[in-house]
C-alpha atoms as a PDB file:
ATOM      1  CA  ILE A   1     113.831  53.877 161.410  1.00  0.00           C
ATOM      2  CA  TYR A   2     114.573  58.000 162.839  1.00  0.00           C
ATOM      3  CA  CYS A   3     111.757  59.090 165.922  1.00  0.00           C
ATOM      4  CA  LEU A   4     110.914  62.418 165.882  1.00  0.00           C
ATOM      5  CA  GLY A   5     110.334  63.363 169.681  1.00  0.00           C
ATOM      6  CA  ASP A   6     108.566  63.038 172.408  1.00  0.00           C
ATOM      7  CA  LEU A   7     109.636  59.816 174.251  1.00  0.00           C
ATOM      8  CA  VAL A   8     108.303  60.819 177.324  1.00  0.00           C
ATOM      9  CA  ASN A   9     105.392  61.766 179.460  1.00  0.00           C
ATOM     10  CA  PHE A  10     101.755  60.788 179.646  1.00  0.00           C
ATOM     11  CA  ALA A  11     102.470  57.142 179.649  1.00  0.00           C
ATOM     12  CA  GLY A  12     104.667  56.141 182.670  1.00  0.00           C
ATOM     13  CA  TRP A  13     107.226  54.222 181.081  1.00  0.00           C
ATOM     14  CA  ASP A  14     109.506  56.659 180.197  1.00  0.00           C
ATOM     15  CA  ASN A  15     112.220  55.067 181.241  1.00  0.00           C
ATOM     16  CA  GLU A  16     111.959  52.287 179.300  1.00  0.00           C
ATOM     17  CA  VAL A  17     111.034  53.760 176.321  1.00  0.00           C
ATOM     18  CA  ILE A  18     114.248  56.043 176.542  1.00  0.00           C
ATOM     19  CA  HIS A  19     116.118  52.060 177.237  1.00  0.00           C
ATOM     20  CA  LEU A  20     113.980  50.987 174.025  1.00  0.00           C
ATOM     21  CA  VAL A  21     115.481  53.820 171.649  1.00  0.00           C
ATOM     22  CA  ARG A  22     119.067  53.819 172.588  1.00  0.00           C
ATOM     23  CA  GLN A  23     119.520  50.118 173.084  1.00  0.00           C
ATOM     24  CA  SER A  24     118.273  49.825 168.989  1.00  0.00           C
ATOM     25  CA  ASN A  25     120.230  53.051 168.440  1.00  0.00           C
ATOM     26  CA  ILE A  26     117.503  55.432 166.957  1.00  0.00           C
ATOM     27  CA  PRO A  27     118.144  58.429 165.461  1.00  0.00           C
ATOM     28  CA  THR A  28     115.885  60.661 167.741  1.00  0.00           C
ATOM     29  CA  VAL A  29     115.607  64.248 167.641  1.00  0.00           C
ATOM     30  CA  GLN A  30     114.631  66.224 170.504  1.00  0.00           C
ATOM     31  CA  GLY A  31     110.209  67.255 171.155  1.00  0.00           C
ATOM     32  CA  ASN A  32     108.891  69.763 173.645  1.00  0.00           C
ATOM     33  CA  HIS A  33     108.170  67.076 176.431  1.00  0.00           C
ATOM     34  CA  ASP A  34     111.762  65.553 176.093  1.00  0.00           C
ATOM     35  CA  GLU A  35     113.109  69.469 176.300  1.00  0.00           C
ATOM     36  CA  GLY A  36     111.141  70.146 179.852  1.00  0.00           C
ATOM     37  CA  ILE A  37     112.254  66.583 181.285  1.00  0.00           C
ATOM     38  CA  GLY A  38     115.752  66.920 179.471  1.00  0.00           C
ATOM     39  CA  PHE A  39     116.139  70.252 181.496  1.00  0.00           C
ATOM     40  CA  GLY A  40     114.118  68.988 184.640  1.00  0.00           C
ATOM     41  CA  LYS A  41     111.293  71.768 184.200  1.00  0.00           C
ATOM     42  CA  THR A  42     108.355  70.900 186.449  1.00  0.00           C
ATOM     43  CA  THR A  43     106.289  73.060 183.820  1.00  0.00           C
ATOM     44  CA  PHE A  44     106.273  73.735 180.624  1.00  0.00           C
ATOM     45  CA  PRO A  45     103.914  74.105 177.405  1.00  0.00           C
ATOM     46  CA  PHE A  46     101.736  71.003 176.007  1.00  0.00           C
ATOM     47  CA  SER A  47      98.688  70.771 174.810  1.00  0.00           C
ATOM     48  CA  PHE A  48      95.491  70.292 176.730  1.00  0.00           C
ATOM     49  CA  SER A  49      91.553  70.922 176.207  1.00  0.00           C
ATOM     50  CA  GLY A  50      90.625  72.190 179.749  1.00  0.00           C
ATOM     51  CA  ALA A  51      91.268  71.755 183.527  1.00  0.00           C
ATOM     52  CA  GLU A  52      91.366  68.258 183.786  1.00  0.00           C
ATOM     53  CA  GLN A  53      94.104  67.525 180.640  1.00  0.00           C
ATOM     54  CA  LYS A  54      96.359  70.472 182.710  1.00  0.00           C
ATOM     55  CA  ALA A  55      96.491  69.014 185.721  1.00  0.00           C
ATOM     56  CA  PHE A  56      97.327  65.792 184.057  1.00  0.00           C
ATOM     57  CA  GLY A  57      99.680  66.907 182.015  1.00  0.00           C
ATOM     58  CA  HIS A  58     101.472  68.343 185.146  1.00  0.00           C
ATOM     59  CA  ALA A  59     100.948  65.495 187.197  1.00  0.00           C
ATOM     60  CA  SER A  60     102.460  63.710 184.918  1.00  0.00           C
ATOM     61  CA  ILE A  61     105.521  65.755 184.652  1.00  0.00           C
ATOM     62  CA  LEU A  62     105.790  65.871 188.918  1.00  0.00           C
ATOM     63  CA  LYS A  63     105.603  61.958 188.181  1.00  0.00           C
ATOM     64  CA  VAL A  64     108.483  61.797 185.284  1.00  0.00           C
ATOM     65  CA  ASP A  65     110.587  63.621 187.260  1.00  0.00           C
ATOM     66  CA  SER A  66     110.479  62.151 190.053  1.00  0.00           C
ATOM     67  CA  VAL A  67     111.701  58.561 188.386  1.00  0.00           C
ATOM     68  CA  ILE A  68     114.033  59.338 184.944  1.00  0.00           C
ATOM     69  CA  THR A  69     117.358  58.128 186.189  1.00  0.00           C
ATOM     70  CA  GLY A  70     120.006  60.698 185.564  1.00  0.00           C
ATOM     71  CA  ALA A  71     121.140  59.183 182.362  1.00  0.00           C
ATOM     72  CA  ASN A  72     117.977  59.087 180.459  1.00  0.00           C
ATOM     73  CA  ARG A  73     117.409  62.622 181.393  1.00  0.00           C
ATOM     74  CA  ALA A  74     121.027  63.343 180.048  1.00  0.00           C
ATOM     75  CA  PHE A  75     120.046  61.600 177.127  1.00  0.00           C
ATOM     76  CA  LEU A  76     116.554  63.630 177.211  1.00  0.00           C
ATOM     77  CA  ARG A  77     118.964  66.727 177.028  1.00  0.00           C
ATOM     78  CA  ASN A  78     121.402  66.302 174.528  1.00  0.00           C
ATOM     79  CA  LEU A  79     119.075  65.666 171.744  1.00  0.00           C
ATOM     80  CA  PRO A  80     119.260  67.272 168.457  1.00  0.00           C
ATOM     81  CA  PHE A  81     116.810  69.680 167.694  1.00  0.00           C
ATOM     82  CA  SER A  82     116.880  68.584 164.204  1.00  0.00           C
ATOM     83  CA  LEU A  83     118.721  66.083 161.747  1.00  0.00           C
ATOM     84  CA  GLN A  84     118.919  66.289 158.478  1.00  0.00           C
ATOM     85  CA  LEU A  85     119.737  63.756 155.826  1.00  0.00           C
ATOM     86  CA  GLU A  86     121.579  64.398 152.086  1.00  0.00           C
ATOM     87  CA  CYS A  87     120.740  61.184 149.536  1.00  0.00           C
ATOM     88  CA  ARG A  88     123.194  61.498 146.755  1.00  0.00           C
ATOM     89  CA  TYR A  89     122.683  59.862 143.760  1.00  0.00           C
ATOM     90  CA  ALA A  90     124.622  60.252 140.101  1.00  0.00           C
ATOM     91  CA  PHE A  91     122.751  63.057 139.151  1.00  0.00           C
ATOM     92  CA  HIS A  92     120.628  64.582 142.393  1.00  0.00           C
ATOM     93  CA  SER A  93     120.624  64.204 145.940  1.00  0.00           C
ATOM     94  CA  ILE A  94     117.423  64.812 147.923  1.00  0.00           C
ATOM     95  CA  ARG A  95     117.446  66.369 151.295  1.00  0.00           C
ATOM     96  CA  ILE A  96     115.496  65.263 154.373  1.00  0.00           C
ATOM     97  CA  HIS A  97     114.968  66.837 157.368  1.00  0.00           C
ATOM     98  CA  PHE A  98     113.574  65.367 160.553  1.00  0.00           C
ATOM     99  CA  THR A  99     112.550  67.779 163.263  1.00  0.00           C
ATOM    100  CA  HIS A 100     109.490  67.854 165.697  1.00  0.00           C
ATOM    101  CA  GLY A 101     107.588  70.747 165.552  1.00  0.00           C
ATOM    102  CA  SER A 102     109.158  72.762 162.840  1.00  0.00           C
ATOM    103  CA  PRO A 103     112.186  73.391 161.492  1.00  0.00           C
ATOM    104  CA  LEU A 104     112.164  77.284 164.148  1.00  0.00           C
ATOM    105  CA  SER A 105     110.231  75.429 167.258  1.00  0.00           C
ATOM    106  CA  ASN A 106     109.216  72.252 168.719  1.00  0.00           C
ATOM    107  CA  ASN A 107     106.184  73.905 170.232  1.00  0.00           C
ATOM    108  CA  GLU A 108     104.978  74.703 166.352  1.00  0.00           C
ATOM    109  CA  TYR A 109     101.597  73.679 165.226  1.00  0.00           C
ATOM    110  CA  ILE A 110     102.087  72.799 161.420  1.00  0.00           C
ATOM    111  CA  GLU A 111      98.584  71.013 160.874  1.00  0.00           C
ATOM    112  CA  PRO A 112      97.256  69.851 157.909  1.00  0.00           C
ATOM    113  CA  ASN A 113      95.084  72.834 156.541  1.00  0.00           C
ATOM    114  CA  VAL A 114      98.450  74.828 156.671  1.00  0.00           C
ATOM    115  CA  PRO A 115      99.236  77.161 153.027  1.00  0.00           C
ATOM    116  CA  ASP A 116     101.534  76.194 151.031  1.00  0.00           C
ATOM    117  CA  ASP A 117     103.338  79.365 151.074  1.00  0.00           C
ATOM    118  CA  VAL A 118     104.026  78.552 154.997  1.00  0.00           C
ATOM    119  CA  LEU A 119     105.191  74.874 153.913  1.00  0.00           C
ATOM    120  CA  ARG A 120     107.585  76.651 151.027  1.00  0.00           C
ATOM    121  CA  ALA A 121     109.118  79.423 153.864  1.00  0.00           C
ATOM    122  CA  LEU A 122     109.345  76.473 156.589  1.00  0.00           C
ATOM    123  CA  LEU A 123     111.036  73.504 153.894  1.00  0.00           C
ATOM    124  CA  ASP A 124     113.442  76.804 152.505  1.00  0.00           C
ATOM    125  CA  SER A 125     113.564  77.119 155.951  1.00  0.00           C
ATOM    126  CA  ALA A 126     115.235  73.825 156.405  1.00  0.00           C
ATOM    127  CA  GLY A 127     116.670  73.802 152.929  1.00  0.00           C
ATOM    128  CA  ALA A 128     115.144  70.363 152.591  1.00  0.00           C
ATOM    129  CA  ASP A 129     113.552  68.720 149.998  1.00  0.00           C
ATOM    130  CA  ILE A 130     111.195  66.235 152.611  1.00  0.00           C
ATOM    131  CA  LEU A 131     110.528  67.544 155.122  1.00  0.00           C
ATOM    132  CA  LEU A 132     109.136  64.943 158.207  1.00  0.00           C
ATOM    133  CA  LEU A 133     107.556  66.467 161.695  1.00  0.00           C
ATOM    134  CA  GLY A 134     105.582  64.879 164.687  1.00  0.00           C
ATOM    135  CA  HIS A 135     104.141  67.192 167.450  1.00  0.00           C
ATOM    136  CA  THR A 136     100.509  67.311 166.686  1.00  0.00           C
ATOM    137  CA  HIS A 137      99.736  63.275 166.218  1.00  0.00           C
ATOM    138  CA  ARG A 138      98.071  63.543 162.872  1.00  0.00           C
ATOM    139  CA  PRO A 139      99.779  62.916 160.240  1.00  0.00           C
ATOM    140  CA  PHE A 140      99.209  64.260 156.463  1.00  0.00           C
ATOM    141  CA  HIS A 141     101.475  64.092 153.595  1.00  0.00           C
ATOM    142  CA  GLN A 142     101.207  67.751 151.591  1.00  0.00           C
ATOM    143  CA  PRO A 143     103.829  68.160 148.403  1.00  0.00           C
ATOM    144  CA  VAL A 144     103.894  71.324 147.569  1.00  0.00           C
ATOM    145  CA  PHE A 145     104.639  73.315 144.735  1.00  0.00           C
ATOM    146  CA  GLN A 146     107.274  74.197 143.340  1.00  0.00           C
ATOM    147  CA  GLN A 147     108.687  76.645 140.275  1.00  0.00           C
ATOM    148  CA  LYS A 148     111.926  78.222 140.218  1.00  0.00           C
ATOM    149  CA  GLU A 149     112.790  79.874 136.497  1.00  0.00           C
ATOM    150  CA  ASN A 150     111.824  77.296 134.664  1.00  0.00           C
ATOM    151  CA  ARG A 151     111.395  74.367 136.625  1.00  0.00           C
ATOM    152  CA  LEU A 152     108.523  73.094 138.152  1.00  0.00           C
ATOM    153  CA  PHE A 153     109.078  70.804 140.639  1.00  0.00           C
ATOM    154  CA  TYR A 154     108.008  69.235 143.699  1.00  0.00           C
ATOM    155  CA  ARG A 155     108.704  69.093 147.773  1.00  0.00           C
ATOM    156  CA  HIS A 156     106.978  67.422 150.507  1.00  0.00           C
ATOM    157  CA  VAL A 157     105.629  68.038 154.534  1.00  0.00           C
ATOM    158  CA  ILE A 158     104.845  64.877 156.074  1.00  0.00           C
ATOM    159  CA  ASN A 159     103.451  64.360 159.420  1.00  0.00           C
ATOM    160  CA  ALA A 160     103.976  60.883 160.707  1.00  0.00           C
ATOM    161  CA  GLY A 161     101.292  60.769 163.083  1.00  0.00           C
ATOM    162  CA  SER A 162     101.844  59.708 167.020  1.00  0.00           C
ATOM    163  CA  VAL A 163     101.999  56.054 168.539  1.00  0.00           C
ATOM    164  CA  GLY A 164     100.214  57.637 171.663  1.00  0.00           C
ATOM    165  CA  LYS A 165      97.579  60.584 172.030  1.00  0.00           C
ATOM    166  CA  PRO A 166      96.715  60.110 168.494  1.00  0.00           C
ATOM    167  CA  LYS A 167      94.117  63.302 167.054  1.00  0.00           C
ATOM    168  CA  HIS A 168      92.503  62.125 163.983  1.00  0.00           C
ATOM    169  CA  GLY A 169      89.923  59.471 165.473  1.00  0.00           C
ATOM    170  CA  ASN A 170      92.083  56.479 164.500  1.00  0.00           C
ATOM    171  CA  PRO A 171      93.335  54.684 167.940  1.00  0.00           C
ATOM    172  CA  ASP A 172      96.392  52.444 166.680  1.00  0.00           C
ATOM    173  CA  ALA A 173      99.891  54.097 166.929  1.00  0.00           C
ATOM    174  CA  CYS A 174     101.148  55.387 163.382  1.00  0.00           C
ATOM    175  CA  TYR A 175     104.250  55.731 161.879  1.00  0.00           C
ATOM    176  CA  VAL A 176     105.140  56.407 157.974  1.00  0.00           C
ATOM    177  CA  LEU A 177     107.205  54.832 155.668  1.00  0.00           C
ATOM    178  CA  LEU A 178     109.497  57.101 152.723  1.00  0.00           C
ATOM    179  CA  ASP A 179     110.430  54.813 149.504  1.00  0.00           C
ATOM    180  CA  PHE A 180     112.156  56.277 147.078  1.00  0.00           C
ATOM    181  CA  ASP A 181     115.440  55.106 144.721  1.00  0.00           C
ATOM    182  CA  ASP A 182     117.972  56.858 142.237  1.00  0.00           C
ATOM    183  CA  GLN A 183     114.711  57.140 139.777  1.00  0.00           C
ATOM    184  CA  ILE A 184     113.139  59.423 142.144  1.00  0.00           C
ATOM    185  CA  ARG A 185     112.269  63.029 140.203  1.00  0.00           C
ATOM    186  CA  MET A 186     110.656  65.688 142.659  1.00  0.00           C
ATOM    187  CA  GLU A 187     108.830  67.151 138.904  1.00  0.00           C
ATOM    188  CA  GLU A 188     106.636  63.827 139.842  1.00  0.00           C
ATOM    189  CA  PRO A 189     105.161  63.445 143.556  1.00  0.00           C
ATOM    190  CA  ALA A 190     104.108  60.169 142.923  1.00  0.00           C
ATOM    191  CA  SER A 191     107.765  59.053 143.069  1.00  0.00           C
ATOM    192  CA  LEU A 192     107.993  58.985 146.286  1.00  0.00           C
ATOM    193  CA  SER A 193     105.913  56.295 147.871  1.00  0.00           C
ATOM    194  CA  VAL A 194     104.243  58.051 151.480  1.00  0.00           C
ATOM    195  CA  ARG A 195     102.644  55.020 153.436  1.00  0.00           C
ATOM    196  CA  PHE A 196     101.133  55.513 157.188  1.00  0.00           C
ATOM    197  CA  ARG A 197     100.457  52.297 158.804  1.00  0.00           C
ATOM    198  CA  TYR A 198      98.799  51.934 162.306  1.00  0.00           C
ATOM    199  CA  VAL A 199      98.708  48.663 164.223  1.00  0.00           C
ATOM    200  CA  PRO A 200      97.010  48.233 167.472  1.00  0.00           C
ATOM    201  CA  TYR A 201      97.897  47.670 170.544  1.00  0.00           C
ATOM    202  CA  ASP A 202      96.130  46.681 173.555  1.00  0.00           C
ATOM    203  CA  THR A 203      94.994  50.554 175.009  1.00  0.00           C
ATOM    204  CA  ASP A 204      93.100  48.708 177.855  1.00  0.00           C
ATOM    205  CA  ALA A 205      96.373  47.741 179.527  1.00  0.00           C
ATOM    206  CA  THR A 206      97.747  51.237 178.794  1.00  0.00           C
ATOM    207  CA  LEU A 207      94.770  52.934 180.745  1.00  0.00           C
ATOM    208  CA  ARG A 208      95.072  50.076 183.479  1.00  0.00           C
ATOM    209  CA  HIS A 209      98.524  51.200 183.924  1.00  0.00           C
ATOM    210  CA  ILE A 210      97.968  55.366 183.428  1.00  0.00           C
ATOM    211  CA  HIS A 211      95.347  54.704 186.144  1.00  0.00           C
ATOM    212  CA  ALA A 212      97.194  52.951 188.588  1.00  0.00           C
ATOM    213  CA  LEU A 213     100.116  55.648 188.647  1.00  0.00           C
ATOM    214  CA  GLY A 214      97.469  57.867 189.649  1.00  0.00           C
ATOM    215  CA  LEU A 215      97.049  60.241 186.357  1.00  0.00           C
ATOM    216  CA  GLY A 216      93.411  60.041 186.391  1.00  0.00           C
ATOM    217  CA  SER A 217      91.172  59.261 183.646  1.00  0.00           C
ATOM    218  CA  ALA A 218      91.668  62.381 181.255  1.00  0.00           C
ATOM    219  CA  TYR A 219      92.962  60.862 178.739  1.00  0.00           C
ATOM    220  CA  ASP A 220      91.376  57.664 178.438  1.00  0.00           C
ATOM    221  CA  HIS A 221      88.679  58.474 174.948  1.00  0.00           C
ATOM    222  CA  PHE A 222      92.160  59.705 173.096  1.00  0.00           C
ATOM    223  CA  LEU A 223      93.213  56.308 173.937  1.00  0.00           C
ATOM    224  CA  ARG A 224      90.469  54.360 173.221  1.00  0.00           C
ATOM    225  CA  TYR A 225      89.146  56.278 170.157  1.00  0.00           C
ATOM    226  CA  GLY A 226      91.724  58.340 169.353  1.00  0.00           C
ATOM    227  CA  GLN A 227      90.118  61.759 169.552  1.00  0.00           C
ATOM    228  CA  PRO A 228      89.513  64.317 172.732  1.00  0.00           C
ATOM    229  CA  THR A 229      85.450  63.712 173.339  1.00  0.00           C
ATOM    230  CA  SER A 230      82.936  61.839 172.043  1.00  0.00           C
ATOM    231  CA  GLN A 231      81.905  65.010 170.034  1.00  0.00           C
ATOM    232  CA  ALA A 232      84.877  65.089 168.590  1.00  0.00           C
END
């Protein structure tokens, strides 16, 4: 299990989430919210649509700053920007790169419609065969065709989605499972199995908790329907 960041902010269980991740020894990269809270910032870049969501976000930052423990703030501050896993087999290896936004910035949004040339450059910058991202809250899997000399093969860019505040029309928590073994061949994109899993949870209880914290209702529609407004 790997976590692609943003353990804190927006829902009010900040210490509890960090405790769960630390207790379970889950390797985690630093998201933009983890960076901001880890370094004690009272404001930092985050996505929002309209003044109400912007006010919610700033109020949430102040709320987290007031309750987070010193040990948990230090944990966030010391999370790595990225992780790389190399799976070595007898005759080849697979390099998997984990980061939050992109290999260049935890604030960069890599959306599903990004051109393959951009994705190739990101894969090259990470030195990766498989690049795993978060940040956008929009799950996708894009095999990226590659040609080097006489070799034709594919590399993969995958966004794991999010377990909260989804932006793709499904309110369930989302995670991704990768399945491969020593038979994986980058010449065959289907030899990497990528499965998105969706887990329902009690969104009403989450919303009651958020409202009890005094953070308002700016993100109610996000959590109930997986999108910002009924027109989205």
